[in-house]
Amino acid sequence: MLDVDLLVWLSEDEVASQRVRDEPLYRKLKVAQDKRDLFVPYNEPPIGAAISFNTVLSIPYAIDKLVPLLASKVK
C-alpha cells in the first residue's frame, strides 16, 4: 500500500517528523529509502491546516505553498 511515487505526511513539527523517520519499519520502505517522502508542516507554516480545513481561502494558500514542496521531490 505504501509503494507510491511520493508519500506526503502532515506533521505537527520536526520532532514528530523525525520520530516517523526513525521508525525501523518506516526506514525499510522503498519510498523512505529513495527519499520520496515529504513531511508537510501542520502549523508553522500552516500548510497542513490549510489542506485539512478546506475553505475558499485556504485552498489557494495550500496550493501555493504545497506545489513548490512537491516539485522539489520530483526528479
PDB file of N, CA and C in Angstrom:
ATOM      1  N   MET A   1       0.814  -1.196   0.000  1.00  0.00           N
ATOM      2  CA  MET A   1       0.000   0.000   0.000  1.00  0.00           C
ATOM      3  C   MET A   1       0.863   1.269   0.000  1.00  0.00           C
ATOM      4  N   LEU A   2       2.063   1.185   0.503  1.00  0.00           N
ATOM      5  CA  LEU A   2       2.906   2.376   0.565  1.00  0.00           C
ATOM      6  C   LEU A   2       3.930   2.418  -0.554  1.00  0.00           C
ATOM      7  N   ASP A   3       3.734   1.602  -1.583  1.00  0.00           N
ATOM      8  CA  ASP A   3       4.602   1.641  -2.753  1.00  0.00           C
ATOM      9  C   ASP A   3       4.025   2.696  -3.698  1.00  0.00           C
ATOM     10  N   VAL A   4       4.369   3.941  -3.419  1.00  0.00           N
ATOM     11  CA  VAL A   4       3.802   5.072  -4.142  1.00  0.00           C
ATOM     12  C   VAL A   4       4.930   5.941  -4.691  1.00  0.00           C
ATOM     13  N   ASP A   5       4.579   6.864  -5.576  1.00  0.00           N
ATOM     14  CA  ASP A   5       5.582   7.785  -6.124  1.00  0.00           C
ATOM     15  C   ASP A   5       6.089   8.749  -5.069  1.00  0.00           C
ATOM     16  N   LEU A   6       5.182   9.239  -4.228  1.00  0.00           N
ATOM     17  CA  LEU A   6       5.538  10.199  -3.190  1.00  0.00           C
ATOM     18  C   LEU A   6       4.591  10.004  -2.017  1.00  0.00           C
ATOM     19  N   LEU A   7       5.155   9.944  -0.841  1.00  0.00           N
ATOM     20  CA  LEU A   7       4.355   9.786   0.373  1.00  0.00           C
ATOM     21  C   LEU A   7       4.374  11.117   1.121  1.00  0.00           C
ATOM     22  N   VAL A   8       3.193  11.711   1.300  1.00  0.00           N
ATOM     23  CA  VAL A   8       3.074  13.020   1.941  1.00  0.00           C
ATOM     24  C   VAL A   8       2.518  12.834   3.353  1.00  0.00           C
ATOM     25  N   TRP A   9       3.219  13.433   4.301  1.00  0.00           N
ATOM     26  CA  TRP A   9       2.824  13.380   5.709  1.00  0.00           C
ATOM     27  C   TRP A   9       2.490  14.779   6.179  1.00  0.00           C
ATOM     28  N   LEU A  10       1.426  14.932   6.933  1.00  0.00           N
ATOM     29  CA  LEU A  10       1.152  16.168   7.651  1.00  0.00           C
ATOM     30  C   LEU A  10       1.730  15.974   9.042  1.00  0.00           C
ATOM     31  N   SER A  11       2.621  16.859   9.425  1.00  0.00           N
ATOM     32  CA  SER A  11       3.354  16.663  10.665  1.00  0.00           C
ATOM     33  C   SER A  11       3.262  17.901  11.553  1.00  0.00           C
ATOM     34  N   GLU A  12       3.108  17.659  12.836  1.00  0.00           N
ATOM     35  CA  GLU A  12       3.000  18.752  13.805  1.00  0.00           C
ATOM     36  C   GLU A  12       4.262  19.598  13.857  1.00  0.00           C
ATOM     37  N   ASP A  13       5.409  18.931  13.869  1.00  0.00           N
ATOM     38  CA  ASP A  13       6.683  19.653  13.946  1.00  0.00           C
ATOM     39  C   ASP A  13       7.813  18.713  13.525  1.00  0.00           C
ATOM     40  N   GLU A  14       9.026  19.214  13.530  1.00  0.00           N
ATOM     41  CA  GLU A  14      10.173  18.421  13.092  1.00  0.00           C
ATOM     42  C   GLU A  14      10.425  17.240  14.024  1.00  0.00           C
ATOM     43  N   VAL A  15      10.119  17.394  15.300  1.00  0.00           N
ATOM     44  CA  VAL A  15      10.288  16.287  16.254  1.00  0.00           C
ATOM     45  C   VAL A  15       9.396  15.112  15.852  1.00  0.00           C
ATOM     46  N   ALA A  16       8.150  15.400  15.537  1.00  0.00           N
ATOM     47  CA  ALA A  16       7.221  14.343  15.117  1.00  0.00           C
ATOM     48  C   ALA A  16       7.664  13.729  13.792  1.00  0.00           C
ATOM     49  N   SER A  17       8.131  14.554  12.874  1.00  0.00           N
ATOM     50  CA  SER A  17       8.614  14.035  11.586  1.00  0.00           C
ATOM     51  C   SER A  17       9.801  13.103  11.804  1.00  0.00           C
ATOM     52  N   GLN A  18      10.708  13.507  12.648  1.00  0.00           N
ATOM     53  CA  GLN A  18      11.889  12.695  12.910  1.00  0.00           C
ATOM     54  C   GLN A  18      11.519  11.390  13.596  1.00  0.00           C
ATOM     55  N   ARG A  19      10.508  11.428  14.441  1.00  0.00           N
ATOM     56  CA  ARG A  19      10.049  10.204  15.107  1.00  0.00           C
ATOM     57  C   ARG A  19       9.587   9.180  14.070  1.00  0.00           C
ATOM     58  N   VAL A  20       8.892   9.635  13.048  1.00  0.00           N
ATOM     59  CA  VAL A  20       8.459   8.735  11.967  1.00  0.00           C
ATOM     60  C   VAL A  20       9.675   8.221  11.209  1.00  0.00           C
ATOM     61  N   ARG A  21      10.585   9.127  10.854  1.00  0.00           N
ATOM     62  CA  ARG A  21      11.785   8.735  10.096  1.00  0.00           C
ATOM     63  C   ARG A  21      12.641   7.725  10.860  1.00  0.00           C
ATOM     64  N   ASP A  22      12.618   7.788  12.175  1.00  0.00           N
ATOM     65  CA  ASP A  22      13.439   6.901  12.993  1.00  0.00           C
ATOM     66  C   ASP A  22      12.853   5.507  13.165  1.00  0.00           C
ATOM     67  N   GLU A  23      11.609   5.325  12.811  1.00  0.00           N
ATOM     68  CA  GLU A  23      10.973   4.011  12.964  1.00  0.00           C
ATOM     69  C   GLU A  23      11.624   2.994  12.028  1.00  0.00           C
ATOM     70  N   PRO A  24      12.072   1.866  12.560  1.00  0.00           N
ATOM     71  CA  PRO A  24      12.729   0.853  11.723  1.00  0.00           C
ATOM     72  C   PRO A  24      11.861   0.388  10.553  1.00  0.00           C
ATOM     73  N   LEU A  25      10.588   0.217  10.785  1.00  0.00           N
ATOM     74  CA  LEU A  25       9.700  -0.229   9.705  1.00  0.00           C
ATOM     75  C   LEU A  25       9.611   0.828   8.607  1.00  0.00           C
ATOM     76  N   TYR A  26       9.552   2.081   8.998  1.00  0.00           N
ATOM     77  CA  TYR A  26       9.490   3.148   8.016  1.00  0.00           C
ATOM     78  C   TYR A  26      10.764   3.208   7.182  1.00  0.00           C
ATOM     79  N   ARG A  27      11.906   3.035   7.829  1.00  0.00           N
ATOM     80  CA  ARG A  27      13.182   3.079   7.110  1.00  0.00           C
ATOM     81  C   ARG A  27      13.311   1.948   6.101  1.00  0.00           C
ATOM     82  N   LYS A  28      12.549   0.878   6.263  1.00  0.00           N
ATOM     83  CA  LYS A  28      12.587  -0.240   5.320  1.00  0.00           C
ATOM     84  C   LYS A  28      11.756   0.027   4.062  1.00  0.00           C
ATOM     85  N   LEU A  29      10.880   1.012   4.122  1.00  0.00           N
ATOM     86  CA  LEU A  29      10.039   1.318   2.963  1.00  0.00           C
ATOM     87  C   LEU A  29      10.877   1.908   1.836  1.00  0.00           C
ATOM     88  N   LYS A  30      10.615   1.463   0.625  1.00  0.00           N
ATOM     89  CA  LYS A  30      11.356   1.963  -0.525  1.00  0.00           C
ATOM     90  C   LYS A  30      11.164   3.471  -0.699  1.00  0.00           C
ATOM     91  N   VAL A  31       9.972   3.954  -0.428  1.00  0.00           N
ATOM     92  CA  VAL A  31       9.697   5.386  -0.556  1.00  0.00           C
ATOM     93  C   VAL A  31      10.581   6.185   0.411  1.00  0.00           C
ATOM     94  N   ALA A  32      10.862   5.663   1.569  1.00  0.00           N
ATOM     95  CA  ALA A  32      11.750   6.342   2.528  1.00  0.00           C
ATOM     96  C   ALA A  32      13.206   6.207   2.089  1.00  0.00           C
ATOM     97  N   GLN A  33      13.589   5.037   1.644  1.00  0.00           N
ATOM     98  CA  GLN A  33      14.970   4.820   1.205  1.00  0.00           C
ATOM     99  C   GLN A  33      15.324   5.695   0.011  1.00  0.00           C
ATOM    100  N   ASP A  34      14.355   5.895  -0.869  1.00  0.00           N
ATOM    101  CA  ASP A  34      14.572   6.727  -2.059  1.00  0.00           C
ATOM    102  C   ASP A  34      14.337   8.211  -1.795  1.00  0.00           C
ATOM    103  N   LYS A  35      14.032   8.548  -0.564  1.00  0.00           N
ATOM    104  CA  LYS A  35      13.750   9.943  -0.161  1.00  0.00           C
ATOM    105  C   LYS A  35      12.603  10.544  -0.975  1.00  0.00           C
ATOM    106  N   ARG A  36      11.579   9.723  -1.159  1.00  0.00           N
ATOM    107  CA  ARG A  36      10.374  10.170  -1.850  1.00  0.00           C
ATOM    108  C   ARG A  36       9.259  10.407  -0.841  1.00  0.00           C
ATOM    109  N   ASP A  37       9.643  10.933   0.319  1.00  0.00           N
ATOM    110  CA  ASP A  37       8.681  11.277   1.345  1.00  0.00           C
ATOM    111  C   ASP A  37       8.720  12.788   1.559  1.00  0.00           C
ATOM    112  N   LEU A  38       7.604  13.332   1.915  1.00  0.00           N
ATOM    113  CA  LEU A  38       7.508  14.772   2.126  1.00  0.00           C
ATOM    114  C   LEU A  38       6.737  15.001   3.415  1.00  0.00           C
ATOM    115  N   PHE A  39       7.385  15.647   4.364  1.00  0.00           N
ATOM    116  CA  PHE A  39       6.755  15.981   5.630  1.00  0.00           C
ATOM    117  C   PHE A  39       6.319  17.439   5.559  1.00  0.00           C
ATOM    118  N   VAL A  40       5.026  17.649   5.545  1.00  0.00           N
ATOM    119  CA  VAL A  40       4.440  18.983   5.412  1.00  0.00           C
ATOM    120  C   VAL A  40       4.060  19.479   6.798  1.00  0.00           C
ATOM    121  N   PRO A  41       4.523  20.681   7.171  1.00  0.00           N
ATOM    122  CA  PRO A  41       4.186  21.199   8.491  1.00  0.00           C
ATOM    123  C   PRO A  41       2.702  21.505   8.622  1.00  0.00           C
ATOM    124  N   TYR A  42       2.167  21.188   9.784  1.00  0.00           N
ATOM    125  CA  TYR A  42       0.750  21.450  10.024  1.00  0.00           C
ATOM    126  C   TYR A  42       0.520  22.898  10.443  1.00  0.00           C
ATOM    127  N   ASN A  43       1.417  23.414  11.295  1.00  0.00           N
ATOM    128  CA  ASN A  43       1.192  24.740  11.865  1.00  0.00           C
ATOM    129  C   ASN A  43       2.156  25.820  11.400  1.00  0.00           C
ATOM    130  N   GLU A  44       3.400  25.540  11.328  1.00  0.00           N
ATOM    131  CA  GLU A  44       4.402  26.589  11.068  1.00  0.00           C
ATOM    132  C   GLU A  44       5.226  26.282   9.843  1.00  0.00           C
ATOM    133  N   PRO A  45       4.902  26.728   8.676  1.00  0.00           N
ATOM    134  CA  PRO A  45       3.700  27.472   8.292  1.00  0.00           C
ATOM    135  C   PRO A  45       2.490  26.545   8.247  1.00  0.00           C
ATOM    136  N   PRO A  46       1.308  27.075   8.271  1.00  0.00           N
ATOM    137  CA  PRO A  46       0.096  26.258   8.408  1.00  0.00           C
ATOM    138  C   PRO A  46      -0.370  25.589   7.112  1.00  0.00           C
ATOM    139  N   ILE A  47       0.541  24.948   6.428  1.00  0.00           N
ATOM    140  CA  ILE A  47       0.181  24.288   5.164  1.00  0.00           C
ATOM    141  C   ILE A  47      -0.751  23.112   5.434  1.00  0.00           C
ATOM    142  N   GLY A  48      -0.408  22.301   6.404  1.00  0.00           N
ATOM    143  CA  GLY A  48      -1.241  21.143   6.743  1.00  0.00           C
ATOM    144  C   GLY A  48      -2.629  21.550   7.189  1.00  0.00           C
ATOM    145  N   ALA A  49      -2.700  22.612   7.962  1.00  0.00           N
ATOM    146  CA  ALA A  49      -4.009  23.106   8.397  1.00  0.00           C
ATOM    147  C   ALA A  49      -4.826  23.568   7.203  1.00  0.00           C
ATOM    148  N   ALA A  50      -4.173  24.225   6.253  1.00  0.00           N
ATOM    149  CA  ALA A  50      -4.885  24.696   5.057  1.00  0.00           C
ATOM    150  C   ALA A  50      -5.400  23.532   4.224  1.00  0.00           C
ATOM    151  N   ILE A  51      -4.644  22.439   4.196  1.00  0.00           N
ATOM    152  CA  ILE A  51      -5.085  21.250   3.463  1.00  0.00           C
ATOM    153  C   ILE A  51      -6.257  20.592   4.184  1.00  0.00           C
ATOM    154  N   SER A  52      -6.167  20.511   5.500  1.00  0.00           N
ATOM    155  CA  SER A  52      -7.171  19.813   6.302  1.00  0.00           C
ATOM    156  C   SER A  52      -8.501  20.544   6.364  1.00  0.00           C
ATOM    157  N   PHE A  53      -8.448  21.870   6.499  1.00  0.00           N
ATOM    158  CA  PHE A  53      -9.662  22.671   6.615  1.00  0.00           C
ATOM    159  C   PHE A  53      -9.894  23.395   5.301  1.00  0.00           C
ATOM    160  N   ASN A  54     -10.427  22.670   4.341  1.00  0.00           N
ATOM    161  CA  ASN A  54     -10.623  23.230   3.007  1.00  0.00           C
ATOM    162  C   ASN A  54     -11.665  24.346   3.025  1.00  0.00           C
ATOM    163  N   THR A  55     -11.205  25.538   2.711  1.00  0.00           N
ATOM    164  CA  THR A  55     -12.106  26.673   2.553  1.00  0.00           C
ATOM    165  C   THR A  55     -11.719  27.402   1.278  1.00  0.00           C
ATOM    166  N   VAL A  56     -12.529  28.343   0.881  1.00  0.00           N
ATOM    167  CA  VAL A  56     -12.237  29.115  -0.323  1.00  0.00           C
ATOM    168  C   VAL A  56     -10.936  29.900  -0.161  1.00  0.00           C
ATOM    169  N   LEU A  57     -10.560  30.225   1.061  1.00  0.00           N
ATOM    170  CA  LEU A  57      -9.312  30.950   1.302  1.00  0.00           C
ATOM    171  C   LEU A  57      -8.122  30.027   1.507  1.00  0.00           C
ATOM    172  N   SER A  58      -8.348  28.872   2.122  1.00  0.00           N
ATOM    173  CA  SER A  58      -7.216  28.001   2.435  1.00  0.00           C
ATOM    174  C   SER A  58      -6.720  27.205   1.237  1.00  0.00           C
ATOM    175  N   ILE A  59      -7.583  26.895   0.311  1.00  0.00           N
ATOM    176  CA  ILE A  59      -7.167  26.081  -0.839  1.00  0.00           C
ATOM    177  C   ILE A  59      -6.107  26.791  -1.690  1.00  0.00           C
ATOM    178  N   PRO A  60      -6.304  28.051  -2.085  1.00  0.00           N
ATOM    179  CA  PRO A  60      -5.242  28.719  -2.852  1.00  0.00           C
ATOM    180  C   PRO A  60      -3.934  28.822  -2.068  1.00  0.00           C
ATOM    181  N   TYR A  61      -4.022  29.092  -0.778  1.00  0.00           N
ATOM    182  CA  TYR A  61      -2.824  29.163   0.058  1.00  0.00           C
ATOM    183  C   TYR A  61      -2.107  27.812   0.064  1.00  0.00           C
ATOM    184  N   ALA A  62      -2.866  26.737   0.278  1.00  0.00           N
ATOM    185  CA  ALA A  62      -2.276  25.403   0.317  1.00  0.00           C
ATOM    186  C   ALA A  62      -1.617  25.055  -1.014  1.00  0.00           C
ATOM    187  N   ILE A  63      -2.269  25.366  -2.097  1.00  0.00           N
ATOM    188  CA  ILE A  63      -1.705  25.076  -3.422  1.00  0.00           C
ATOM    189  C   ILE A  63      -0.416  25.870  -3.632  1.00  0.00           C
ATOM    190  N   ASP A  64      -0.448  27.154  -3.297  1.00  0.00           N
ATOM    191  CA  ASP A  64       0.747  27.994  -3.478  1.00  0.00           C
ATOM    192  C   ASP A  64       1.932  27.491  -2.662  1.00  0.00           C
ATOM    193  N   LYS A  65       1.676  26.981  -1.476  1.00  0.00           N
ATOM    194  CA  LYS A  65       2.754  26.517  -0.600  1.00  0.00           C
ATOM    195  C   LYS A  65       3.165  25.074  -0.906  1.00  0.00           C
ATOM    196  N   LEU A  66       2.193  24.239  -1.285  1.00  0.00           N
ATOM    197  CA  LEU A  66       2.467  22.813  -1.455  1.00  0.00           C
ATOM    198  C   LEU A  66       3.121  22.484  -2.801  1.00  0.00           C
ATOM    199  N   VAL A  67       2.744  23.161  -3.859  1.00  0.00           N
ATOM    200  CA  VAL A  67       3.276  22.853  -5.186  1.00  0.00           C
ATOM    201  C   VAL A  67       4.810  22.937  -5.235  1.00  0.00           C
ATOM    202  N   PRO A  68       5.441  23.992  -4.689  1.00  0.00           N
ATOM    203  CA  PRO A  68       6.906  24.016  -4.707  1.00  0.00           C
ATOM    204  C   PRO A  68       7.534  22.875  -3.888  1.00  0.00           C
ATOM    205  N   LEU A  69       6.888  22.504  -2.780  1.00  0.00           N
ATOM    206  CA  LEU A  69       7.399  21.387  -1.983  1.00  0.00           C
ATOM    207  C   LEU A  69       7.325  20.077  -2.775  1.00  0.00           C
ATOM    208  N   LEU A  70       6.207  19.875  -3.458  1.00  0.00           N
ATOM    209  CA  LEU A  70       6.063  18.685  -4.276  1.00  0.00           C
ATOM    210  C   LEU A  70       7.048  18.686  -5.435  1.00  0.00           C
ATOM    211  N   ALA A  71       7.218  19.833  -6.062  1.00  0.00           N
ATOM    212  CA  ALA A  71       8.136  19.948  -7.193  1.00  0.00           C
ATOM    213  C   ALA A  71       9.571  19.642  -6.774  1.00  0.00           C
ATOM    214  N   SER A  72       9.913  19.987  -5.548  1.00  0.00           N
ATOM    215  CA  SER A  72      11.288  19.732  -5.082  1.00  0.00           C
ATOM    216  C   SER A  72      11.570  18.235  -4.911  1.00  0.00           C
ATOM    217  N   LYS A  73      10.520  17.436  -4.827  1.00  0.00           N
ATOM    218  CA  LYS A  73      10.671  15.994  -4.658  1.00  0.00           C
ATOM    219  C   LYS A  73      10.624  15.234  -5.980  1.00  0.00           C
ATOM    220  N   VAL A  74      10.137  15.882  -7.028  1.00  0.00           N
ATOM    221  CA  VAL A  74      10.002  15.236  -8.337  1.00  0.00           C
ATOM    222  C   VAL A  74      11.342  15.329  -9.064  1.00  0.00           C
ATOM    223  N   LYS A  75      11.756  14.202  -9.567  1.00  0.00           N
ATOM    224  CA  LYS A  75      13.045  14.179 -10.281  1.00  0.00           C
ATOM    225  C   LYS A  75      12.829  14.178 -11.757  1.00  0.00           C
TER     226      LYS A  75
END
